[in-house]
N, C-alpha and C. Protein backbone atom coordinates (compact mmCIF):
# COMPACT_ATOMS: atom_id res chain seq x y z
N MET A 1 90.53 68.52 98.16
CA MET A 1 89.37 69.01 98.39
C MET A 1 89.21 70.38 97.68
N VAL A 2 88.19 70.57 96.78
CA VAL A 2 87.94 71.83 96.20
C VAL A 2 87.31 72.88 97.01
N THR A 3 87.93 74.08 97.13
CA THR A 3 87.54 75.14 98.00
C THR A 3 86.22 75.78 97.31
N ALA A 4 85.47 76.57 98.11
CA ALA A 4 84.42 77.29 97.58
C ALA A 4 84.83 78.39 96.65
N ASP A 5 86.06 79.01 96.96
CA ASP A 5 86.62 80.02 96.05
C ASP A 5 87.01 79.43 94.64
N ALA A 6 87.47 78.14 94.66
CA ALA A 6 87.86 77.46 93.47
C ALA A 6 86.64 77.21 92.51
N VAL A 7 85.47 76.77 93.23
CA VAL A 7 84.32 76.51 92.60
C VAL A 7 83.79 77.72 92.02
N VAL A 8 83.77 78.83 92.68
CA VAL A 8 83.26 80.15 92.20
C VAL A 8 84.10 80.65 90.98
N GLU A 9 85.39 80.58 91.07
CA GLU A 9 86.35 80.96 90.00
C GLU A 9 86.10 79.92 88.91
N GLN A 10 85.96 78.74 89.02
CA GLN A 10 85.72 77.81 87.91
C GLN A 10 84.35 78.04 87.23
N GLY A 11 83.30 78.33 87.99
CA GLY A 11 82.09 78.65 87.40
C GLY A 11 82.06 79.98 86.54
N ALA A 12 82.63 80.84 87.11
CA ALA A 12 82.66 82.26 86.47
C ALA A 12 83.55 81.97 85.15
N ARG A 13 84.64 81.34 85.16
CA ARG A 13 85.50 81.17 83.97
C ARG A 13 84.82 80.22 82.88
N ARG A 14 83.99 79.31 83.38
CA ARG A 14 83.29 78.41 82.30
C ARG A 14 82.20 79.12 81.65
N ILE A 15 81.47 80.11 82.37
CA ILE A 15 80.41 80.75 81.74
C ILE A 15 81.04 81.86 80.83
N ALA A 16 82.11 82.45 81.17
CA ALA A 16 82.92 83.34 80.38
C ALA A 16 83.47 82.59 79.12
N ALA A 17 83.91 81.50 79.37
CA ALA A 17 84.39 80.72 78.19
C ALA A 17 83.36 80.37 77.14
N ALA A 18 82.19 79.96 77.70
CA ALA A 18 81.14 79.65 76.94
C ALA A 18 80.68 80.84 76.12
N PHE A 19 80.58 81.99 76.65
CA PHE A 19 80.27 83.26 75.98
C PHE A 19 81.17 83.50 74.75
N ALA A 20 82.58 83.31 75.11
CA ALA A 20 83.48 83.66 74.11
C ALA A 20 83.29 82.53 72.96
N ASP A 21 83.06 81.35 73.17
CA ASP A 21 82.81 80.22 72.26
C ASP A 21 81.55 80.73 71.34
N TYR A 22 80.44 81.08 72.13
CA TYR A 22 79.38 81.50 71.36
C TYR A 22 79.65 82.70 70.42
N ASN A 23 80.37 83.62 70.96
CA ASN A 23 80.64 84.84 70.18
C ASN A 23 81.45 84.42 68.93
N ALA A 24 82.39 83.71 69.08
CA ALA A 24 83.31 83.18 67.96
C ALA A 24 82.48 82.60 66.95
N GLU A 25 81.51 81.67 67.34
CA GLU A 25 80.57 80.99 66.40
C GLU A 25 79.74 82.00 65.71
N PHE A 26 79.23 82.84 66.38
CA PHE A 26 78.34 83.95 65.92
C PHE A 26 79.13 84.70 64.73
N ARG A 27 80.35 85.16 65.15
CA ARG A 27 81.13 85.94 64.18
C ARG A 27 81.38 85.05 62.97
N GLU A 28 81.63 83.82 63.00
CA GLU A 28 81.96 82.82 61.96
C GLU A 28 80.74 82.86 61.07
N ILE A 29 79.62 82.78 61.60
CA ILE A 29 78.28 82.72 60.79
C ILE A 29 78.14 84.09 60.07
N THR A 30 78.57 85.17 60.85
CA THR A 30 78.30 86.45 60.20
C THR A 30 79.31 86.75 59.06
N ARG A 31 80.51 86.13 59.17
CA ARG A 31 81.49 86.35 58.18
C ARG A 31 81.11 85.77 56.81
N ARG A 32 80.17 84.92 56.84
CA ARG A 32 79.75 84.34 55.60
C ARG A 32 78.74 85.27 54.78
N ALA A 33 78.19 86.33 55.62
CA ALA A 33 77.17 87.22 54.96
C ALA A 33 77.69 87.90 53.69
N SER A 34 78.79 88.46 53.67
CA SER A 34 79.16 89.19 52.54
C SER A 34 79.33 88.22 51.29
N ALA A 35 79.91 87.14 51.52
CA ALA A 35 80.08 86.20 50.37
C ALA A 35 78.69 85.75 49.83
N ARG A 36 77.81 85.38 50.70
CA ARG A 36 76.41 85.01 50.45
C ARG A 36 75.82 86.16 49.68
N PHE A 37 75.90 87.38 50.20
CA PHE A 37 75.23 88.52 49.55
C PHE A 37 75.67 88.67 48.11
N GLU A 38 77.13 88.68 47.97
CA GLU A 38 77.61 88.76 46.61
C GLU A 38 77.18 87.66 45.68
N ALA A 39 76.99 86.55 46.12
CA ALA A 39 76.61 85.32 45.43
C ALA A 39 75.08 85.34 45.17
N ARG A 40 74.40 86.30 45.65
CA ARG A 40 72.89 86.42 45.68
C ARG A 40 72.40 85.07 46.29
N ASP A 41 72.95 84.61 47.27
CA ASP A 41 72.47 83.38 48.05
C ASP A 41 71.45 83.78 49.06
N TRP A 42 70.30 84.17 48.66
CA TRP A 42 69.27 84.79 49.60
C TRP A 42 68.81 83.59 50.62
N HIS A 43 68.71 82.37 50.11
CA HIS A 43 68.37 81.26 51.06
C HIS A 43 69.33 80.99 52.10
N GLY A 44 70.59 81.07 51.57
CA GLY A 44 71.83 80.92 52.53
C GLY A 44 71.85 82.02 53.59
N ASN A 45 71.38 83.35 53.21
CA ASN A 45 71.44 84.36 54.22
C ASN A 45 70.32 84.19 55.22
N GLN A 46 69.22 83.65 54.74
CA GLN A 46 68.02 83.30 55.69
C GLN A 46 68.39 82.24 56.64
N GLN A 47 69.07 81.22 56.10
CA GLN A 47 69.61 80.23 56.95
C GLN A 47 70.49 80.63 58.04
N ASP A 48 71.43 81.49 57.57
CA ASP A 48 72.41 82.03 58.63
C ASP A 48 71.65 82.90 59.68
N ALA A 49 70.73 83.65 59.20
CA ALA A 49 70.04 84.51 60.21
C ALA A 49 69.28 83.58 61.31
N VAL A 50 68.60 82.46 60.74
CA VAL A 50 68.12 81.63 61.71
C VAL A 50 69.06 80.94 62.57
N GLU A 51 70.22 80.58 62.05
CA GLU A 51 71.24 79.97 62.84
C GLU A 51 71.72 80.78 63.95
N ARG A 52 72.03 82.08 63.53
CA ARG A 52 72.39 83.03 64.54
C ARG A 52 71.42 83.17 65.71
N ILE A 53 70.33 83.30 65.42
CA ILE A 53 69.13 83.35 66.50
C ILE A 53 69.11 82.16 67.31
N GLU A 54 69.11 80.99 66.70
CA GLU A 54 69.19 79.70 67.53
C GLU A 54 70.39 79.54 68.26
N LEU A 55 71.45 80.08 67.71
CA LEU A 55 72.89 79.77 68.49
C LEU A 55 72.83 80.20 69.85
N TYR A 56 72.15 81.47 70.22
CA TYR A 56 72.21 82.00 71.56
C TYR A 56 71.60 80.92 72.45
N ASP A 57 70.31 80.43 72.19
CA ASP A 57 69.78 79.50 73.09
C ASP A 57 70.50 78.29 73.23
N ARG A 58 71.12 77.82 72.13
CA ARG A 58 71.87 76.55 72.14
C ARG A 58 73.04 76.74 73.28
N TRP A 59 73.80 77.86 73.14
CA TRP A 59 74.78 78.11 73.97
C TRP A 59 74.33 78.27 75.52
N VAL A 60 73.28 79.04 75.64
CA VAL A 60 72.71 79.05 76.99
C VAL A 60 72.38 77.66 77.52
N ASP A 61 71.71 76.94 76.75
CA ASP A 61 71.36 75.53 77.30
C ASP A 61 72.51 74.75 77.61
N ARG A 62 73.59 74.73 76.87
CA ARG A 62 74.82 74.03 76.99
C ARG A 62 75.55 74.43 78.26
N THR A 63 75.54 75.72 78.38
CA THR A 63 76.10 76.42 79.70
C THR A 63 75.38 75.97 80.92
N VAL A 64 74.08 76.03 80.84
CA VAL A 64 73.24 75.67 82.00
C VAL A 64 73.50 74.14 82.31
N ALA A 65 73.61 73.21 81.29
CA ALA A 65 73.85 71.90 81.63
C ALA A 65 75.32 71.71 82.17
N GLU A 66 76.36 72.56 81.65
CA GLU A 66 77.65 72.37 82.24
C GLU A 66 77.64 72.84 83.74
N MET A 67 76.89 73.91 83.97
CA MET A 67 76.91 74.64 85.32
C MET A 67 76.19 73.35 86.30
N ARG A 68 75.23 72.75 85.89
CA ARG A 68 74.58 71.81 86.68
C ARG A 68 75.57 70.68 87.03
N ARG A 69 76.31 70.30 85.93
CA ARG A 69 77.43 69.19 86.10
C ARG A 69 78.44 69.66 87.06
N LEU A 70 78.84 70.83 86.91
CA LEU A 70 80.01 71.45 87.65
C LEU A 70 79.50 71.53 89.20
N LEU A 71 78.34 72.09 89.47
CA LEU A 71 77.88 72.47 90.70
C LEU A 71 77.17 71.31 91.39
N GLY A 72 76.70 70.37 90.61
CA GLY A 72 75.93 69.30 91.32
C GLY A 72 74.80 69.74 92.14
N GLU A 73 74.75 69.31 93.35
CA GLU A 73 73.57 69.64 94.27
C GLU A 73 73.59 71.06 94.60
N ARG A 74 74.83 71.81 94.46
CA ARG A 74 74.80 73.26 94.69
C ARG A 74 74.38 74.13 93.61
N ALA A 75 73.96 73.45 92.59
CA ALA A 75 73.62 74.32 91.28
C ALA A 75 72.54 75.37 91.58
N LEU A 76 71.61 75.12 92.65
CA LEU A 76 70.72 76.18 93.04
C LEU A 76 71.04 76.86 94.30
N ASP A 77 72.25 76.85 94.69
CA ASP A 77 72.67 77.39 95.89
C ASP A 77 72.73 78.93 95.76
N ARG A 78 71.84 79.72 96.23
CA ARG A 78 71.83 81.25 95.89
C ARG A 78 73.07 82.04 96.34
N ASP A 79 73.56 81.54 97.45
CA ASP A 79 74.86 82.32 98.06
C ASP A 79 75.91 82.10 96.98
N LEU A 80 76.17 80.81 96.48
CA LEU A 80 77.16 80.43 95.52
C LEU A 80 77.06 81.15 94.22
N TRP A 81 75.72 81.22 93.68
CA TRP A 81 75.44 81.90 92.45
C TRP A 81 75.74 83.47 92.64
N HIS A 82 75.50 83.98 93.83
CA HIS A 82 75.75 85.34 94.02
C HIS A 82 77.32 85.57 93.88
N ALA A 83 78.04 84.62 94.39
CA ALA A 83 79.50 84.80 94.48
C ALA A 83 80.00 84.67 93.07
N ILE A 84 79.43 83.67 92.32
CA ILE A 84 79.90 83.46 90.99
C ILE A 84 79.50 84.76 90.08
N ARG A 85 78.43 85.32 90.25
CA ARG A 85 78.01 86.58 89.59
C ARG A 85 79.06 87.71 89.91
N ASP A 86 79.42 87.72 91.21
CA ASP A 86 80.33 88.94 91.55
C ASP A 86 81.64 88.66 91.01
N ARG A 87 82.11 87.35 90.91
CA ARG A 87 83.39 86.99 90.31
C ARG A 87 83.30 87.30 88.82
N TYR A 88 82.33 86.92 88.15
CA TYR A 88 82.19 87.04 86.75
C TYR A 88 82.12 88.59 86.31
N ALA A 89 81.52 89.34 87.15
CA ALA A 89 81.44 90.81 86.98
C ALA A 89 82.85 91.28 87.00
N ASP A 90 83.68 90.96 87.98
CA ASP A 90 85.06 91.42 88.09
C ASP A 90 85.92 90.94 86.92
N ASP A 91 85.70 89.68 86.40
CA ASP A 91 86.48 89.15 85.29
C ASP A 91 86.19 89.88 84.08
N VAL A 92 84.96 90.32 83.91
CA VAL A 92 84.52 90.95 82.50
C VAL A 92 84.62 92.53 82.52
N ALA A 93 84.85 93.07 83.65
CA ALA A 93 84.65 94.40 83.80
C ALA A 93 85.40 95.37 82.82
N GLY A 94 86.51 94.77 82.45
CA GLY A 94 87.41 95.60 81.54
C GLY A 94 87.28 95.40 80.09
N LEU A 95 86.27 94.48 79.77
CA LEU A 95 86.11 94.09 78.44
C LEU A 95 85.11 95.10 77.58
N VAL A 96 85.53 95.38 76.32
CA VAL A 96 84.70 96.42 75.59
C VAL A 96 83.31 96.05 75.53
N ASP A 97 82.99 94.78 75.43
CA ASP A 97 81.53 94.24 75.22
C ASP A 97 81.11 93.64 76.54
N ALA A 98 81.47 94.10 77.66
CA ALA A 98 81.07 93.54 79.00
C ALA A 98 79.67 93.43 79.23
N ALA A 99 78.82 94.36 78.68
CA ALA A 99 77.37 94.20 78.68
C ALA A 99 76.85 93.03 78.18
N PHE A 100 77.48 92.70 76.99
CA PHE A 100 77.00 91.46 76.38
C PHE A 100 77.48 90.22 77.16
N ASP A 101 78.60 90.22 77.82
CA ASP A 101 78.84 89.12 78.71
C ASP A 101 78.04 88.99 79.95
N ARG A 102 77.66 90.26 80.32
CA ARG A 102 76.68 90.09 81.56
C ARG A 102 75.28 89.63 81.24
N THR A 103 74.85 90.04 80.00
CA THR A 103 73.59 89.58 79.45
C THR A 103 73.54 87.95 79.27
N PHE A 104 74.70 87.49 78.83
CA PHE A 104 74.79 86.02 78.60
C PHE A 104 74.85 85.27 79.98
N PHE A 105 75.53 85.89 80.92
CA PHE A 105 75.49 85.26 82.35
C PHE A 105 74.13 85.27 82.81
N SER A 106 73.40 86.51 82.66
CA SER A 106 71.93 86.56 83.14
C SER A 106 71.16 85.48 82.50
N SER A 107 71.22 85.42 81.22
CA SER A 107 70.43 84.29 80.53
C SER A 107 70.68 82.95 81.05
N VAL A 108 71.97 82.63 81.30
CA VAL A 108 72.20 81.26 81.96
C VAL A 108 71.60 81.22 83.28
N SER A 109 71.77 82.35 84.17
CA SER A 109 71.19 82.27 85.51
C SER A 109 69.69 82.15 85.38
N ARG A 110 69.06 82.76 84.65
CA ARG A 110 67.56 82.95 84.59
C ARG A 110 67.14 81.57 84.17
N ARG A 111 67.77 80.96 83.13
CA ARG A 111 67.26 79.66 82.65
C ARG A 111 67.46 78.56 83.72
N LEU A 112 68.52 78.63 84.36
CA LEU A 112 68.90 77.61 85.34
C LEU A 112 67.85 77.80 86.53
N TRP A 113 67.64 78.96 87.03
CA TRP A 113 66.74 79.16 88.12
C TRP A 113 65.25 79.29 87.81
N GLY A 114 64.97 79.40 86.51
CA GLY A 114 63.55 79.53 86.13
C GLY A 114 63.06 80.97 86.57
N THR A 115 63.86 81.98 86.66
CA THR A 115 63.60 83.27 87.16
C THR A 115 62.38 83.90 86.39
N VAL A 116 61.41 84.40 87.18
CA VAL A 116 60.42 85.41 86.59
C VAL A 116 60.53 86.61 87.29
N GLY A 117 60.61 87.68 86.62
CA GLY A 117 60.93 89.06 87.21
C GLY A 117 62.44 89.22 87.33
N VAL A 118 62.88 89.87 88.32
CA VAL A 118 64.34 90.32 88.47
C VAL A 118 64.88 89.53 89.80
N ALA A 119 65.96 88.83 89.55
CA ALA A 119 66.65 88.28 90.75
C ALA A 119 68.11 89.02 90.75
N ALA A 120 68.13 90.20 91.16
CA ALA A 120 69.47 91.03 91.17
C ALA A 120 70.56 90.29 91.81
N ASP A 121 70.29 89.49 92.69
CA ASP A 121 71.35 88.91 93.53
C ASP A 121 72.18 87.80 92.70
N ILE A 122 71.53 87.24 91.65
CA ILE A 122 72.07 86.17 90.93
C ILE A 122 72.14 86.44 89.42
N GLU A 123 71.75 87.64 89.09
CA GLU A 123 71.85 88.02 87.68
C GLU A 123 72.29 89.44 87.57
N PHE A 124 72.56 89.98 86.38
CA PHE A 124 72.77 91.40 86.36
C PHE A 124 71.44 92.18 85.82
N ALA A 125 70.91 92.91 86.71
CA ALA A 125 69.64 93.59 86.56
C ALA A 125 69.52 94.61 85.51
N ALA A 126 70.45 95.58 85.59
CA ALA A 126 70.42 96.71 84.69
C ALA A 126 71.89 97.28 84.42
N ASP A 127 72.19 97.57 83.21
CA ASP A 127 73.42 98.07 82.86
C ASP A 127 73.42 99.73 82.85
N ASP A 128 72.23 100.29 82.67
CA ASP A 128 72.01 101.62 82.58
C ASP A 128 72.33 102.13 84.07
N PRO A 129 73.31 103.21 84.23
CA PRO A 129 73.74 103.66 85.42
C PRO A 129 72.51 104.04 86.31
N ILE A 130 71.67 104.78 85.78
CA ILE A 130 70.45 105.35 86.55
C ILE A 130 69.56 104.13 86.94
N LEU A 131 69.25 103.28 86.08
CA LEU A 131 68.45 102.05 86.46
C LEU A 131 69.22 101.22 87.38
N GLY A 132 70.49 101.11 87.20
CA GLY A 132 71.30 100.29 88.14
C GLY A 132 71.22 100.89 89.51
N HIS A 133 71.28 102.13 89.54
CA HIS A 133 71.20 102.80 90.94
C HIS A 133 69.68 102.66 91.44
N LEU A 134 68.65 102.79 90.64
CA LEU A 134 67.43 102.66 91.21
C LEU A 134 67.05 101.29 91.68
N TYR A 135 67.49 100.24 90.91
CA TYR A 135 67.11 98.90 91.37
C TYR A 135 68.26 97.96 92.03
N SER A 136 69.32 98.75 92.47
CA SER A 136 70.29 97.97 93.13
C SER A 136 69.76 97.51 94.43
N PRO A 137 70.03 96.09 94.67
CA PRO A 137 69.60 95.47 95.97
C PRO A 137 70.37 95.83 97.16
N ASP A 138 71.58 96.48 96.78
CA ASP A 138 72.51 96.81 97.97
C ASP A 138 72.10 98.23 98.60
N LEU A 139 71.22 98.94 98.00
CA LEU A 139 70.70 100.21 98.51
C LEU A 139 69.49 100.23 99.28
N ASP A 140 69.44 101.00 100.43
CA ASP A 140 68.11 100.90 101.16
C ASP A 140 67.39 102.12 100.44
N SER A 141 66.16 102.32 100.79
CA SER A 141 65.32 103.29 100.21
C SER A 141 65.78 104.81 100.47
N ARG A 142 66.39 105.05 101.51
CA ARG A 142 66.94 106.35 101.84
C ARG A 142 68.04 106.81 100.79
N GLU A 143 68.83 105.70 100.32
CA GLU A 143 69.91 106.06 99.40
C GLU A 143 69.38 106.15 97.95
N ARG A 144 68.21 105.63 97.71
CA ARG A 144 67.66 105.55 96.38
C ARG A 144 67.08 106.98 95.99
N GLY A 145 66.84 107.78 97.00
CA GLY A 145 66.17 109.12 96.80
C GLY A 145 64.68 109.02 96.62
């Protein structure tokens, strides 16, 4: 039997792996830029720009589908997503580009849930320390000032 902790860990790990794969593919496309520029391949540069823009949505869609497969009927279990978000935050906390990792997670969460507005319990609402303090769902109004 798979424990809830194992599902949380696996969910967080899969989203992190998807972001790493997206990032690697993005960098590969970007590496072509200097060669295309030197060759004056303007059409190729434009194609690469479009590919980089579309790449993010493709990876978010893939990851949403993977999370639906992994979580099954629990894919929209808010408590589970909250736990996955917290685990993911811990896993990426020391990374240089952790804000990008959190943005990717939020994109996956928002697309899966169809979020309109802010759902701070299942996504990352703000990386700005001041905004994060102001909008933190864990603070009551007396602590917000």
